[in-house]
Amino acid sequence: MSLDGAPPLRVAVLMGGVSGEREVSLASGAQVVRGLRDAGHDALAVDTSRGVLDEAALVRILDRGVRPPSAEGHPTDLLATGAVGTFFHDEALRDIDLILPILHGGAGEDGTLQGLLDMVGLPYAGSGRLGCTLAMDKEVSKRLFREAGIPTPDWAVHPMEVDQVEEALGFPVIVKPPSGGSTLGLSLVRDREELARAVKEALRFEDRVLFERFVPGRELTVGVVGQQALPVGEIIPEHEIFDYECKYQPGLAREIFPAEIPQDVAERAQRLALRVHRLLFLRDFSRVDFILDGAGELWCLEANALPGMTSNSLLPRAAAAAGWGFPDLCHRIVRLAEERKVTRPGK
């Protein structure tokens, strides 16, 4: 039996993919497989570029943690090739109750995979294709924040001359791909001379570039599960920004849950996170990031439709502050999806 005494679910956890965040996804997915099993469910590990993983492969991923980006080269995404039909008709996947995508970046998080799952009639946990698309594109989500009256730092999009960036946003300025994650391609640019290099770096990951006004302050994050905002966390990185290394290597960031902030600020952050979660049509779980400036204003930076689920990730830390163990968090996510699932024909 599962944690709630109900029959266990057979869940296929999709992980890996081919984006720059492949290694994060593998580490997250492996942790979730173990968490679901600890919660009493039958979880299957599925790398979307390799297929179903055996136990030895799963253990290797768990043991190594998060490796640097692109350590395995450029695998083939089976979901983007003619093998997609074979992929979903794999014998191991025929009796599953639910798909749980734990994919970060690229087609796994931008709504492409979710649309495919909708087309083939496979029920899945997490946000649908619209929510993933809106959250993934930071320019679009910032437009929606602004329209809804949710404070977000001013921004502009490339191409822009240095003079235009300086006039519109000033320095320092954040330069980043608008649809990236894990801060890949992100730079904090302090002067005019650094801008061209930062644009070139962002273009390595995407053919668009977003310039965003840098707001100094404390970095806060709020996880949402179902319609519940979890305790607010604060991130204090060792580096100047909360970069890839700080996010995924132990000891390079202090993550304080609950954040040591006034109660009214925490409640305001939670309310804003729920507003963002609903505004972007997110569901089951998400994470919303903020900057708290020196005047006490909260600025929404972005929402994450598929936040990291490694042992060092922020959503599990927030869940722990709420009194939930990692297996409980994984269990709650799949139960939320199961509650709305429409039974597939012939099942």
C-alpha atoms as a PDB file:
ATOM      1  CA  MET A   1       0.000   0.000   0.000  1.00  0.00           C
ATOM      2  CA  SER A   2       1.043   3.597  -0.531  1.00  0.00           C
ATOM      3  CA  LEU A   3       1.442   6.268   2.145  1.00  0.00           C
ATOM      4  CA  ASP A   4      -2.277   7.117   2.218  1.00  0.00           C
ATOM      5  CA  GLY A   5      -3.363   3.476   2.382  1.00  0.00           C
ATOM      6  CA  ALA A   6      -4.676   3.515  -1.188  1.00  0.00           C
ATOM      7  CA  PRO A   7      -3.452   1.027  -3.797  1.00  0.00           C
ATOM      8  CA  PRO A   8      -0.042   1.984  -5.190  1.00  0.00           C
ATOM      9  CA  LEU A   9       0.320   3.551  -8.613  1.00  0.00           C
ATOM     10  CA  ARG A  10       2.595   2.350 -11.370  1.00  0.00           C
ATOM     11  CA  VAL A  11       4.384   5.528 -12.434  1.00  0.00           C
ATOM     12  CA  ALA A  12       6.809   6.046 -15.322  1.00  0.00           C
ATOM     13  CA  VAL A  13       9.216   8.836 -14.404  1.00  0.00           C
ATOM     14  CA  LEU A  14      10.555  10.510 -17.561  1.00  0.00           C
ATOM     15  CA  MET A  15      14.011  12.015 -17.153  1.00  0.00           C
ATOM     16  CA  GLY A  16      17.146  12.969 -19.041  1.00  0.00           C
ATOM     17  CA  GLY A  17      16.190  14.534 -22.345  1.00  0.00           C
ATOM     18  CA  VAL A  18      18.699  16.344 -24.536  1.00  0.00           C
ATOM     19  CA  SER A  19      18.680  19.909 -23.190  1.00  0.00           C
ATOM     20  CA  GLY A  20      21.567  21.559 -21.358  1.00  0.00           C
ATOM     21  CA  GLU A  21      19.824  20.520 -18.151  1.00  0.00           C
ATOM     22  CA  ARG A  22      20.014  16.799 -18.939  1.00  0.00           C
ATOM     23  CA  GLU A  23      22.241  16.033 -15.960  1.00  0.00           C
ATOM     24  CA  VAL A  24      19.971  17.899 -13.555  1.00  0.00           C
ATOM     25  CA  SER A  25      16.986  16.005 -14.933  1.00  0.00           C
ATOM     26  CA  LEU A  26      18.671  12.626 -14.530  1.00  0.00           C
ATOM     27  CA  ALA A  27      19.593  13.383 -10.924  1.00  0.00           C
ATOM     28  CA  SER A  28      16.099  14.718 -10.195  1.00  0.00           C
ATOM     29  CA  GLY A  29      14.356  11.808 -11.872  1.00  0.00           C
ATOM     30  CA  ALA A  30      16.418   9.179 -10.091  1.00  0.00           C
ATOM     31  CA  GLN A  31      15.641  10.791  -6.734  1.00  0.00           C
ATOM     32  CA  VAL A  32      11.933  10.858  -7.580  1.00  0.00           C
ATOM     33  CA  VAL A  33      11.940   7.182  -8.576  1.00  0.00           C
ATOM     34  CA  ARG A  34      13.445   6.307  -5.207  1.00  0.00           C
ATOM     35  CA  GLY A  35      11.030   8.661  -3.408  1.00  0.00           C
ATOM     36  CA  LEU A  36       7.985   7.128  -5.074  1.00  0.00           C
ATOM     37  CA  ARG A  37       9.178   3.635  -4.231  1.00  0.00           C
ATOM     38  CA  ASP A  38       9.731   4.656  -0.622  1.00  0.00           C
ATOM     39  CA  ALA A  39       6.146   5.973  -0.658  1.00  0.00           C
ATOM     40  CA  GLY A  40       4.897   2.541  -1.722  1.00  0.00           C
ATOM     41  CA  HIS A  41       4.447   3.126  -5.447  1.00  0.00           C
ATOM     42  CA  ASP A  42       5.833   1.113  -8.355  1.00  0.00           C
ATOM     43  CA  ALA A  43       8.101   3.594 -10.134  1.00  0.00           C
ATOM     44  CA  LEU A  44       9.882   3.011 -13.419  1.00  0.00           C
ATOM     45  CA  ALA A  45      12.899   5.094 -14.507  1.00  0.00           C
ATOM     46  CA  VAL A  46      12.739   6.126 -18.165  1.00  0.00           C
ATOM     47  CA  ASP A  47      15.458   8.150 -19.889  1.00  0.00           C
ATOM     48  CA  THR A  48      13.816   9.714 -22.940  1.00  0.00           C
ATOM     49  CA  SER A  49      17.046   9.326 -24.906  1.00  0.00           C
ATOM     50  CA  ARG A  50      17.966   5.817 -23.724  1.00  0.00           C
ATOM     51  CA  GLY A  51      14.719   4.089 -22.849  1.00  0.00           C
ATOM     52  CA  VAL A  52      13.852   2.203 -19.667  1.00  0.00           C
ATOM     53  CA  LEU A  53      16.763   2.173 -17.207  1.00  0.00           C
ATOM     54  CA  ASP A  54      17.746  -0.932 -15.306  1.00  0.00           C
ATOM     55  CA  GLU A  55      18.538  -0.843 -11.608  1.00  0.00           C
ATOM     56  CA  ALA A  56      22.294  -0.647 -12.148  1.00  0.00           C
ATOM     57  CA  ALA A  57      21.917   2.473 -14.308  1.00  0.00           C
ATOM     58  CA  LEU A  58      19.603   4.051 -11.748  1.00  0.00           C
ATOM     59  CA  VAL A  59      22.056   3.412  -8.919  1.00  0.00           C
ATOM     60  CA  ARG A  60      24.902   4.946 -10.943  1.00  0.00           C
ATOM     61  CA  ILE A  61      22.884   8.142 -11.407  1.00  0.00           C
ATOM     62  CA  LEU A  62      21.997   8.291  -7.723  1.00  0.00           C
ATOM     63  CA  ASP A  63      25.620   7.777  -6.718  1.00  0.00           C
ATOM     64  CA  ARG A  64      27.157  10.399  -9.012  1.00  0.00           C
ATOM     65  CA  GLY A  65      24.763  13.299  -8.351  1.00  0.00           C
ATOM     66  CA  VAL A  66      24.596  16.223 -10.771  1.00  0.00           C
ATOM     67  CA  ARG A  67      27.421  16.291 -13.288  1.00  0.00           C
ATOM     68  CA  PRO A  68      28.439  19.329 -15.378  1.00  0.00           C
ATOM     69  CA  PRO A  69      26.256  20.055 -18.448  1.00  0.00           C
ATOM     70  CA  SER A  70      26.700  17.940 -21.591  1.00  0.00           C
ATOM     71  CA  ALA A  71      28.968  15.409 -19.888  1.00  0.00           C
ATOM     72  CA  GLU A  72      27.394  12.645 -22.009  1.00  0.00           C
ATOM     73  CA  GLY A  73      27.606  14.511 -25.302  1.00  0.00           C
ATOM     74  CA  HIS A  74      24.456  14.855 -27.373  1.00  0.00           C
ATOM     75  CA  PRO A  75      22.170  11.836 -27.109  1.00  0.00           C
ATOM     76  CA  THR A  76      19.173  11.345 -29.372  1.00  0.00           C
ATOM     77  CA  ASP A  77      15.734  12.284 -28.073  1.00  0.00           C
ATOM     78  CA  LEU A  78      13.524   9.294 -28.841  1.00  0.00           C
ATOM     79  CA  LEU A  79      10.433  11.466 -28.434  1.00  0.00           C
ATOM     80  CA  ALA A  80      11.542  13.666 -31.347  1.00  0.00           C
ATOM     81  CA  THR A  81      12.218  10.858 -33.815  1.00  0.00           C
ATOM     82  CA  GLY A  82      10.286   8.188 -35.633  1.00  0.00           C
ATOM     83  CA  ALA A  83      10.845   5.987 -32.589  1.00  0.00           C
ATOM     84  CA  VAL A  84       8.187   7.811 -30.568  1.00  0.00           C
ATOM     85  CA  GLY A  85       5.499   5.210 -31.274  1.00  0.00           C
ATOM     86  CA  THR A  86       7.805   2.401 -30.226  1.00  0.00           C
ATOM     87  CA  PHE A  87       8.785   4.374 -27.136  1.00  0.00           C
ATOM     88  CA  PHE A  88       5.232   4.628 -25.795  1.00  0.00           C
ATOM     89  CA  HIS A  89       4.449   1.028 -26.712  1.00  0.00           C
ATOM     90  CA  ASP A  90       7.417  -0.407 -24.878  1.00  0.00           C
ATOM     91  CA  GLU A  91       6.287  -3.485 -22.979  1.00  0.00           C
ATOM     92  CA  ALA A  92       7.416  -1.928 -19.706  1.00  0.00           C
ATOM     93  CA  LEU A  93       5.167   1.105 -20.247  1.00  0.00           C
ATOM     94  CA  ARG A  94       1.949  -0.670 -21.175  1.00  0.00           C
ATOM     95  CA  ASP A  95       0.561  -1.074 -17.677  1.00  0.00           C
ATOM     96  CA  ILE A  96       1.462   2.279 -16.184  1.00  0.00           C
ATOM     97  CA  ASP A  97      -1.144   4.400 -14.416  1.00  0.00           C
ATOM     98  CA  LEU A  98       0.617   7.720 -14.792  1.00  0.00           C
ATOM     99  CA  ILE A  99       3.533   9.532 -16.431  1.00  0.00           C
ATOM    100  CA  LEU A 100       5.572  11.886 -14.234  1.00  0.00           C
ATOM    101  CA  PRO A 101       7.807  14.129 -16.363  1.00  0.00           C
ATOM    102  CA  ILE A 102      10.912  15.242 -14.467  1.00  0.00           C
ATOM    103  CA  LEU A 103      12.498  16.923 -17.469  1.00  0.00           C
ATOM    104  CA  HIS A 104      14.169  20.325 -17.326  1.00  0.00           C
ATOM    105  CA  GLY A 105      14.534  22.631 -20.288  1.00  0.00           C
ATOM    106  CA  GLY A 106      13.876  22.047 -23.970  1.00  0.00           C
ATOM    107  CA  ALA A 107      10.979  19.978 -25.253  1.00  0.00           C
ATOM    108  CA  GLY A 108      10.473  18.323 -21.869  1.00  0.00           C
ATOM    109  CA  GLU A 109       9.485  21.546 -20.118  1.00  0.00           C
ATOM    110  CA  ASP A 110       8.244  23.902 -22.837  1.00  0.00           C
ATOM    111  CA  GLY A 111       4.926  22.114 -23.434  1.00  0.00           C
ATOM    112  CA  THR A 112       6.049  19.965 -26.374  1.00  0.00           C
ATOM    113  CA  LEU A 113       6.138  16.719 -24.395  1.00  0.00           C
ATOM    114  CA  GLN A 114       2.912  17.576 -22.587  1.00  0.00           C
ATOM    115  CA  GLY A 115       1.149  18.148 -25.919  1.00  0.00           C
ATOM    116  CA  LEU A 116       2.435  14.808 -27.162  1.00  0.00           C
ATOM    117  CA  LEU A 117       1.170  13.034 -24.048  1.00  0.00           C
ATOM    118  CA  ASP A 118      -2.222  14.688 -24.539  1.00  0.00           C
ATOM    119  CA  MET A 119      -2.304  13.489 -28.154  1.00  0.00           C
ATOM    120  CA  VAL A 120      -1.537   9.870 -27.306  1.00  0.00           C
ATOM    121  CA  GLY A 121      -3.918   9.903 -24.338  1.00  0.00           C
ATOM    122  CA  LEU A 122      -1.429   9.216 -21.562  1.00  0.00           C
ATOM    123  CA  PRO A 123      -2.291  10.825 -18.207  1.00  0.00           C
ATOM    124  CA  TYR A 124       0.550  12.704 -16.575  1.00  0.00           C
ATOM    125  CA  ALA A 125       1.415  14.708 -13.484  1.00  0.00           C
ATOM    126  CA  GLY A 126       2.485  18.323 -13.527  1.00  0.00           C
ATOM    127  CA  SER A 127       1.463  21.278 -15.624  1.00  0.00           C
ATOM    128  CA  GLY A 128      -0.178  20.890 -19.020  1.00  0.00           C
ATOM    129  CA  ARG A 129       1.161  22.143 -22.317  1.00  0.00           C
ATOM    130  CA  LEU A 130      -0.185  25.695 -21.890  1.00  0.00           C
ATOM    131  CA  GLY A 131       1.201  26.145 -18.382  1.00  0.00           C
ATOM    132  CA  CYS A 132       4.597  24.771 -19.378  1.00  0.00           C
ATOM    133  CA  THR A 133       4.751  27.013 -22.445  1.00  0.00           C
ATOM    134  CA  LEU A 134       3.848  30.174 -20.520  1.00  0.00           C
ATOM    135  CA  ALA A 135       6.228  29.518 -17.630  1.00  0.00           C
ATOM    136  CA  MET A 136       9.111  28.461 -19.859  1.00  0.00           C
ATOM    137  CA  ASP A 137       9.112  31.651 -21.913  1.00  0.00           C
ATOM    138  CA  LYS A 138      10.247  34.317 -19.464  1.00  0.00           C
ATOM    139  CA  GLU A 139       9.430  37.182 -21.805  1.00  0.00           C
ATOM    140  CA  VAL A 140       5.824  35.995 -22.182  1.00  0.00           C
ATOM    141  CA  SER A 141       5.421  35.273 -18.467  1.00  0.00           C
ATOM    142  CA  LYS A 142       6.819  38.710 -17.559  1.00  0.00           C
ATOM    143  CA  ARG A 143       4.280  40.337 -19.882  1.00  0.00           C
ATOM    144  CA  LEU A 144       1.532  38.430 -18.068  1.00  0.00           C
ATOM    145  CA  PHE A 145       2.942  39.428 -14.666  1.00  0.00           C
ATOM    146  CA  ARG A 146       2.972  43.086 -15.691  1.00  0.00           C
ATOM    147  CA  GLU A 147      -0.589  42.891 -17.049  1.00  0.00           C
ATOM    148  CA  ALA A 148      -1.784  41.274 -13.802  1.00  0.00           C
ATOM    149  CA  GLY A 149      -0.068  43.862 -11.603  1.00  0.00           C
ATOM    150  CA  ILE A 150       2.565  41.452 -10.269  1.00  0.00           C
ATOM    151  CA  PRO A 151       5.842  43.388  -9.868  1.00  0.00           C
ATOM    152  CA  THR A 152       8.619  42.107 -12.137  1.00  0.00           C
ATOM    153  CA  PRO A 153      11.899  43.812 -13.106  1.00  0.00           C
ATOM    154  CA  ASP A 154      11.891  45.857 -16.319  1.00  0.00           C
ATOM    155  CA  TRP A 155      13.198  44.042 -19.379  1.00  0.00           C
ATOM    156  CA  ALA A 156      14.006  44.339 -23.053  1.00  0.00           C
ATOM    157  CA  VAL A 157      14.908  41.913 -25.828  1.00  0.00           C
ATOM    158  CA  HIS A 158      17.838  41.649 -28.212  1.00  0.00           C
ATOM    159  CA  PRO A 159      18.798  43.000 -30.707  1.00  0.00           C
ATOM    160  CA  MET A 160      19.692  46.224 -28.920  1.00  0.00           C
ATOM    161  CA  GLU A 161      22.748  48.422 -29.045  1.00  0.00           C
ATOM    162  CA  VAL A 162      24.766  48.960 -25.888  1.00  0.00           C
ATOM    163  CA  ASP A 163      23.524  52.541 -25.610  1.00  0.00           C
ATOM    164  CA  GLN A 164      19.913  51.361 -25.820  1.00  0.00           C
ATOM    165  CA  VAL A 165      20.410  48.765 -23.080  1.00  0.00           C
ATOM    166  CA  GLU A 166      22.105  51.299 -20.828  1.00  0.00           C
ATOM    167  CA  GLU A 167      19.369  53.866 -21.381  1.00  0.00           C
ATOM    168  CA  ALA A 168      16.498  51.407 -20.885  1.00  0.00           C
ATOM    169  CA  LEU A 169      17.820  49.301 -18.014  1.00  0.00           C
ATOM    170  CA  GLY A 170      21.144  50.672 -16.833  1.00  0.00           C
ATOM    171  CA  PHE A 171      24.074  48.658 -15.510  1.00  0.00           C
ATOM    172  CA  PRO A 172      24.429  46.180 -13.990  1.00  0.00           C
ATOM    173  CA  VAL A 173      21.980  44.175 -16.083  1.00  0.00           C
ATOM    174  CA  ILE A 174      21.057  40.502 -16.313  1.00  0.00           C
ATOM    175  CA  VAL A 175      21.516  38.873 -19.734  1.00  0.00           C
ATOM    176  CA  LYS A 176      19.946  35.453 -20.280  1.00  0.00           C
ATOM    177  CA  PRO A 177      18.136  33.144 -22.692  1.00  0.00           C
ATOM    178  CA  PRO A 178      14.389  33.754 -22.185  1.00  0.00           C
ATOM    179  CA  SER A 179      13.519  30.054 -22.216  1.00  0.00           C
ATOM    180  CA  GLY A 180      16.486  28.580 -20.396  1.00  0.00           C
ATOM    181  CA  GLY A 181      16.824  27.157 -16.928  1.00  0.00           C
ATOM    182  CA  SER A 182      19.410  26.380 -14.239  1.00  0.00           C
ATOM    183  CA  THR A 183      20.974  29.809 -15.061  1.00  0.00           C
ATOM    184  CA  LEU A 184      22.637  28.288 -18.144  1.00  0.00           C
ATOM    185  CA  GLY A 185      23.699  31.152 -20.386  1.00  0.00           C
ATOM    186  CA  LEU A 186      22.911  33.765 -17.723  1.00  0.00           C
ATOM    187  CA  SER A 187      25.353  36.588 -16.972  1.00  0.00           C
ATOM    188  CA  LEU A 188      25.411  39.553 -14.628  1.00  0.00           C
ATOM    189  CA  VAL A 189      26.878  42.350 -16.742  1.00  0.00           C
ATOM    190  CA  ARG A 190      28.382  45.274 -14.830  1.00  0.00           C
ATOM    191  CA  ASP A 191      29.536  47.530 -17.664  1.00  0.00           C
ATOM    192  CA  ARG A 192      29.297  48.182 -21.389  1.00  0.00           C
ATOM    193  CA  GLU A 193      32.420  46.204 -22.261  1.00  0.00           C
ATOM    194  CA  GLU A 194      30.974  42.944 -20.922  1.00  0.00           C
ATOM    195  CA  LEU A 195      27.674  43.093 -22.805  1.00  0.00           C
ATOM    196  CA  ALA A 196      28.732  41.607 -26.153  1.00  0.00           C
ATOM    197  CA  ARG A 197      30.366  38.613 -24.456  1.00  0.00           C
ATOM    198  CA  ALA A 198      27.254  37.985 -22.352  1.00  0.00           C
ATOM    199  CA  VAL A 199      24.989  38.139 -25.419  1.00  0.00           C
ATOM    200  CA  LYS A 200      27.230  35.644 -27.203  1.00  0.00           C
ATOM    201  CA  GLU A 201      27.072  33.322 -24.200  1.00  0.00           C
ATOM    202  CA  ALA A 202      23.259  33.491 -24.050  1.00  0.00           C
ATOM    203  CA  LEU A 203      23.032  32.777 -27.788  1.00  0.00           C
ATOM    204  CA  ARG A 204      24.825  29.467 -27.209  1.00  0.00           C
ATOM    205  CA  PHE A 205      21.630  28.202 -25.607  1.00  0.00           C
ATOM    206  CA  GLU A 206      18.890  29.961 -27.569  1.00  0.00           C
ATOM    207  CA  ASP A 207      18.439  32.267 -30.555  1.00  0.00           C
ATOM    208  CA  ARG A 208      16.817  34.960 -28.379  1.00  0.00           C
ATOM    209  CA  VAL A 209      18.279  37.062 -25.574  1.00  0.00           C
ATOM    210  CA  LEU A 210      16.514  38.782 -22.691  1.00  0.00           C
ATOM    211  CA  PHE A 211      17.946  41.821 -20.904  1.00  0.00           C
ATOM    212  CA  GLU A 212      16.543  42.333 -17.401  1.00  0.00           C
ATOM    213  CA  ARG A 213      17.094  45.150 -14.918  1.00  0.00           C
ATOM    214  CA  PHE A 214      19.233  43.905 -12.038  1.00  0.00           C
ATOM    215  CA  VAL A 215      17.423  44.334  -8.720  1.00  0.00           C
ATOM    216  CA  PRO A 216      19.775  43.921  -5.745  1.00  0.00           C
ATOM    217  CA  GLY A 217      18.269  42.199  -2.763  1.00  0.00           C
ATOM    218  CA  ARG A 218      17.555  38.870  -1.116  1.00  0.00           C
ATOM    219  CA  GLU A 219      16.610  35.923  -3.312  1.00  0.00           C
ATOM    220  CA  LEU A 220      13.450  34.173  -2.123  1.00  0.00           C
ATOM    221  CA  THR A 221      11.624  31.154  -3.469  1.00  0.00           C
ATOM    222  CA  VAL A 222       8.149  29.726  -2.861  1.00  0.00           C
ATOM    223  CA  GLY A 223       7.109  26.198  -3.753  1.00  0.00           C
ATOM    224  CA  VAL A 224       3.505  25.409  -4.583  1.00  0.00           C
ATOM    225  CA  VAL A 225       1.961  21.931  -4.344  1.00  0.00           C
ATOM    226  CA  GLY A 226      -1.660  21.639  -5.364  1.00  0.00           C
ATOM    227  CA  GLN A 227      -3.096  24.948  -4.195  1.00  0.00           C
ATOM    228  CA  GLN A 228      -0.837  25.226  -1.150  1.00  0.00           C
ATOM    229  CA  ALA A 229       2.097  27.627  -0.941  1.00  0.00           C
ATOM    230  CA  LEU A 230       4.953  26.076   1.033  1.00  0.00           C
ATOM    231  CA  PRO A 231       7.211  27.931   3.490  1.00  0.00           C
ATOM    232  CA  VAL A 232       9.294  30.662   1.878  1.00  0.00           C
ATOM    233  CA  GLY A 233      12.988  29.939   1.422  1.00  0.00           C
ATOM    234  CA  GLU A 234      15.978  32.239   1.028  1.00  0.00           C
ATOM    235  CA  ILE A 235      18.993  31.408  -1.128  1.00  0.00           C
ATOM    236  CA  ILE A 236      22.400  32.846  -0.226  1.00  0.00           C
ATOM    237  CA  PRO A 237      24.909  31.688  -2.881  1.00  0.00           C
ATOM    238  CA  GLU A 238      28.663  31.646  -2.477  1.00  0.00           C
ATOM    239  CA  HIS A 239      28.980  33.148  -5.963  1.00  0.00           C
ATOM    240  CA  GLU A 240      27.651  36.546  -6.943  1.00  0.00           C
ATOM    241  CA  ILE A 241      24.608  34.934  -8.562  1.00  0.00           C
ATOM    242  CA  PHE A 242      22.835  31.641  -7.908  1.00  0.00           C
ATOM    243  CA  ASP A 243      24.521  29.886 -10.841  1.00  0.00           C
ATOM    244  CA  TYR A 244      24.557  26.250 -11.996  1.00  0.00           C
ATOM    245  CA  GLU A 245      27.406  25.272  -9.692  1.00  0.00           C
ATOM    246  CA  CYS A 246      25.808  26.874  -6.637  1.00  0.00           C
ATOM    247  CA  LYS A 247      22.474  25.240  -7.419  1.00  0.00           C
ATOM    248  CA  TYR A 248      23.677  21.683  -7.737  1.00  0.00           C
ATOM    249  CA  GLN A 249      26.947  21.300  -5.831  1.00  0.00           C
ATOM    250  CA  PRO A 250      26.598  20.883  -2.065  1.00  0.00           C
ATOM    251  CA  GLY A 251      28.090  23.595   0.087  1.00  0.00           C
ATOM    252  CA  LEU A 252      28.013  26.426  -2.468  1.00  0.00           C
ATOM    253  CA  ALA A 253      24.759  27.975  -1.296  1.00  0.00           C
ATOM    254  CA  ARG A 254      22.949  28.430   1.975  1.00  0.00           C
ATOM    255  CA  GLU A 255      19.275  27.632   1.633  1.00  0.00           C
ATOM    256  CA  ILE A 256      17.290  28.784   4.627  1.00  0.00           C
ATOM    257  CA  PHE A 257      13.802  27.319   5.151  1.00  0.00           C
ATOM    258  CA  PRO A 258      11.784  29.021   6.414  1.00  0.00           C
ATOM    259  CA  ALA A 259      13.397  32.303   5.395  1.00  0.00           C
ATOM    260  CA  GLU A 260      14.252  34.679   8.221  1.00  0.00           C
ATOM    261  CA  ILE A 261      11.941  37.448   7.031  1.00  0.00           C
ATOM    262  CA  PRO A 262       8.973  39.237   8.628  1.00  0.00           C
ATOM    263  CA  GLN A 263       5.776  37.191   8.689  1.00  0.00           C
ATOM    264  CA  ASP A 264       3.886  39.712   6.578  1.00  0.00           C
ATOM    265  CA  VAL A 265       6.567  39.537   3.860  1.00  0.00           C
ATOM    266  CA  ALA A 266       6.426  35.733   3.882  1.00  0.00           C
ATOM    267  CA  GLU A 267       2.649  35.752   3.577  1.00  0.00           C
ATOM    268  CA  ARG A 268       2.818  38.287   0.758  1.00  0.00           C
ATOM    269  CA  ALA A 269       5.334  36.109  -1.110  1.00  0.00           C
ATOM    270  CA  GLN A 270       3.098  33.060  -0.688  1.00  0.00           C
ATOM    271  CA  ARG A 271       0.060  34.953  -1.973  1.00  0.00           C
ATOM    272  CA  LEU A 272       1.990  36.186  -4.990  1.00  0.00           C
ATOM    273  CA  ALA A 273       3.310  32.678  -5.705  1.00  0.00           C
ATOM    274  CA  LEU A 274      -0.232  31.298  -5.738  1.00  0.00           C
ATOM    275  CA  ARG A 275      -1.336  34.132  -8.033  1.00  0.00           C
ATOM    276  CA  VAL A 276       1.507  33.337 -10.426  1.00  0.00           C
ATOM    277  CA  HIS A 277       0.774  29.595 -10.265  1.00  0.00           C
ATOM    278  CA  ARG A 278      -2.842  30.245 -11.269  1.00  0.00           C
ATOM    279  CA  LEU A 279      -2.086  33.021 -13.763  1.00  0.00           C
ATOM    280  CA  LEU A 280       0.205  30.731 -15.768  1.00  0.00           C
ATOM    281  CA  PHE A 281      -2.215  27.753 -15.584  1.00  0.00           C
ATOM    282  CA  LEU A 282       0.272  25.669 -13.601  1.00  0.00           C
ATOM    283  CA  ARG A 283      -0.853  22.599 -11.700  1.00  0.00           C
ATOM    284  CA  ASP A 284       0.283  19.956  -9.195  1.00  0.00           C
ATOM    285  CA  PHE A 285       3.642  21.565  -8.366  1.00  0.00           C
ATOM    286  CA  SER A 286       5.724  24.597  -9.257  1.00  0.00           C
ATOM    287  CA  ARG A 287       8.234  27.031  -7.793  1.00  0.00           C
ATOM    288  CA  VAL A 288       8.178  30.818  -8.034  1.00  0.00           C
ATOM    289  CA  ASP A 289      11.283  32.949  -7.487  1.00  0.00           C
ATOM    290  CA  PHE A 290      11.452  36.504  -6.138  1.00  0.00           C
ATOM    291  CA  ILE A 291      13.870  39.251  -5.174  1.00  0.00           C
ATOM    292  CA  LEU A 292      13.125  41.150  -1.962  1.00  0.00           C
ATOM    293  CA  ASP A 293      14.686  44.585  -2.386  1.00  0.00           C
ATOM    294  CA  GLY A 294      15.920  46.956   0.300  1.00  0.00           C
ATOM    295  CA  ALA A 295      12.594  48.795   0.390  1.00  0.00           C
ATOM    296  CA  GLY A 296      10.663  45.602   1.138  1.00  0.00           C
ATOM    297  CA  GLU A 297       9.241  45.231  -2.400  1.00  0.00           C
ATOM    298  CA  LEU A 298       8.916  41.753  -3.874  1.00  0.00           C
ATOM    299  CA  TRP A 299       9.858  41.345  -7.530  1.00  0.00           C
ATOM    300  CA  CYS A 300       8.801  38.173  -9.343  1.00  0.00           C
ATOM    301  CA  LEU A 301      11.622  36.813 -11.485  1.00  0.00           C
ATOM    302  CA  GLU A 302      10.094  33.665 -12.928  1.00  0.00           C
ATOM    303  CA  ALA A 303       8.006  30.562 -12.377  1.00  0.00           C
ATOM    304  CA  ASN A 304       9.253  27.002 -12.811  1.00  0.00           C
ATOM    305  CA  ALA A 305       6.704  24.512 -14.106  1.00  0.00           C
ATOM    306  CA  LEU A 306       9.059  21.568 -13.492  1.00  0.00           C
ATOM    307  CA  PRO A 307      11.373  22.623 -10.648  1.00  0.00           C
ATOM    308  CA  GLY A 308      14.406  20.578  -9.717  1.00  0.00           C
ATOM    309  CA  MET A 309      13.843  17.535  -7.539  1.00  0.00           C
ATOM    310  CA  THR A 310      17.393  16.591  -6.581  1.00  0.00           C
ATOM    311  CA  SER A 311      18.364  16.155  -2.950  1.00  0.00           C
ATOM    312  CA  ASN A 312      19.843  19.663  -3.137  1.00  0.00           C
ATOM    313  CA  SER A 313      16.836  21.278  -4.839  1.00  0.00           C
ATOM    314  CA  LEU A 314      14.632  23.993  -3.422  1.00  0.00           C
ATOM    315  CA  LEU A 315      11.164  22.440  -3.681  1.00  0.00           C
ATOM    316  CA  PRO A 316      12.108  19.390  -1.554  1.00  0.00           C
ATOM    317  CA  ARG A 317      13.700  21.752   0.984  1.00  0.00           C
ATOM    318  CA  ALA A 318      10.473  23.772   1.145  1.00  0.00           C
ATOM    319  CA  ALA A 319       8.450  20.582   1.541  1.00  0.00           C
ATOM    320  CA  ALA A 320      10.690  19.514   4.416  1.00  0.00           C
ATOM    321  CA  ALA A 321      10.017  22.856   6.109  1.00  0.00           C
ATOM    322  CA  ALA A 322       6.317  22.075   5.804  1.00  0.00           C
ATOM    323  CA  GLY A 323       6.900  18.750   7.563  1.00  0.00           C
ATOM    324  CA  TRP A 324       6.819  16.570   4.451  1.00  0.00           C
ATOM    325  CA  GLY A 325       9.501  14.022   3.747  1.00  0.00           C
ATOM    326  CA  PHE A 326      10.690  13.569   0.174  1.00  0.00           C
ATOM    327  CA  PRO A 327       8.600  10.400  -0.385  1.00  0.00           C
ATOM    328  CA  ASP A 328       5.542  12.300   0.897  1.00  0.00           C
ATOM    329  CA  LEU A 329       6.188  15.130  -1.585  1.00  0.00           C
ATOM    330  CA  CYS A 330       6.451  12.693  -4.506  1.00  0.00           C
ATOM    331  CA  HIS A 331       3.340  10.861  -3.297  1.00  0.00           C
ATOM    332  CA  ARG A 332       1.307  14.074  -3.084  1.00  0.00           C
ATOM    333  CA  ILE A 333       2.265  15.066  -6.637  1.00  0.00           C
ATOM    334  CA  VAL A 334       1.159  11.797  -8.224  1.00  0.00           C
ATOM    335  CA  ARG A 335      -2.028  11.672  -6.147  1.00  0.00           C
ATOM    336  CA  LEU A 336      -2.980  15.150  -7.358  1.00  0.00           C
ATOM    337  CA  ALA A 337      -2.628  13.900 -10.929  1.00  0.00           C
ATOM    338  CA  GLU A 338      -4.475  10.674 -10.190  1.00  0.00           C
ATOM    339  CA  GLU A 339      -7.439  12.592  -8.785  1.00  0.00           C
ATOM    340  CA  ARG A 340      -8.101  14.327 -12.121  1.00  0.00           C
ATOM    341  CA  LYS A 341      -7.060  11.473 -14.397  1.00  0.00           C
ATOM    342  CA  VAL A 342      -9.524  10.341 -17.032  1.00  0.00           C
ATOM    343  CA  THR A 343      -9.368   6.576 -17.521  1.00  0.00           C
ATOM    344  CA  ARG A 344      -7.797   5.702 -20.833  1.00  0.00           C
ATOM    345  CA  PRO A 345      -9.914   3.727 -23.342  1.00  0.00           C
ATOM    346  CA  GLY A 346      -9.302   0.024 -23.069  1.00  0.00           C
ATOM    347  CA  LYS A 347      -7.534   0.253 -19.707  1.00  0.00           C
END
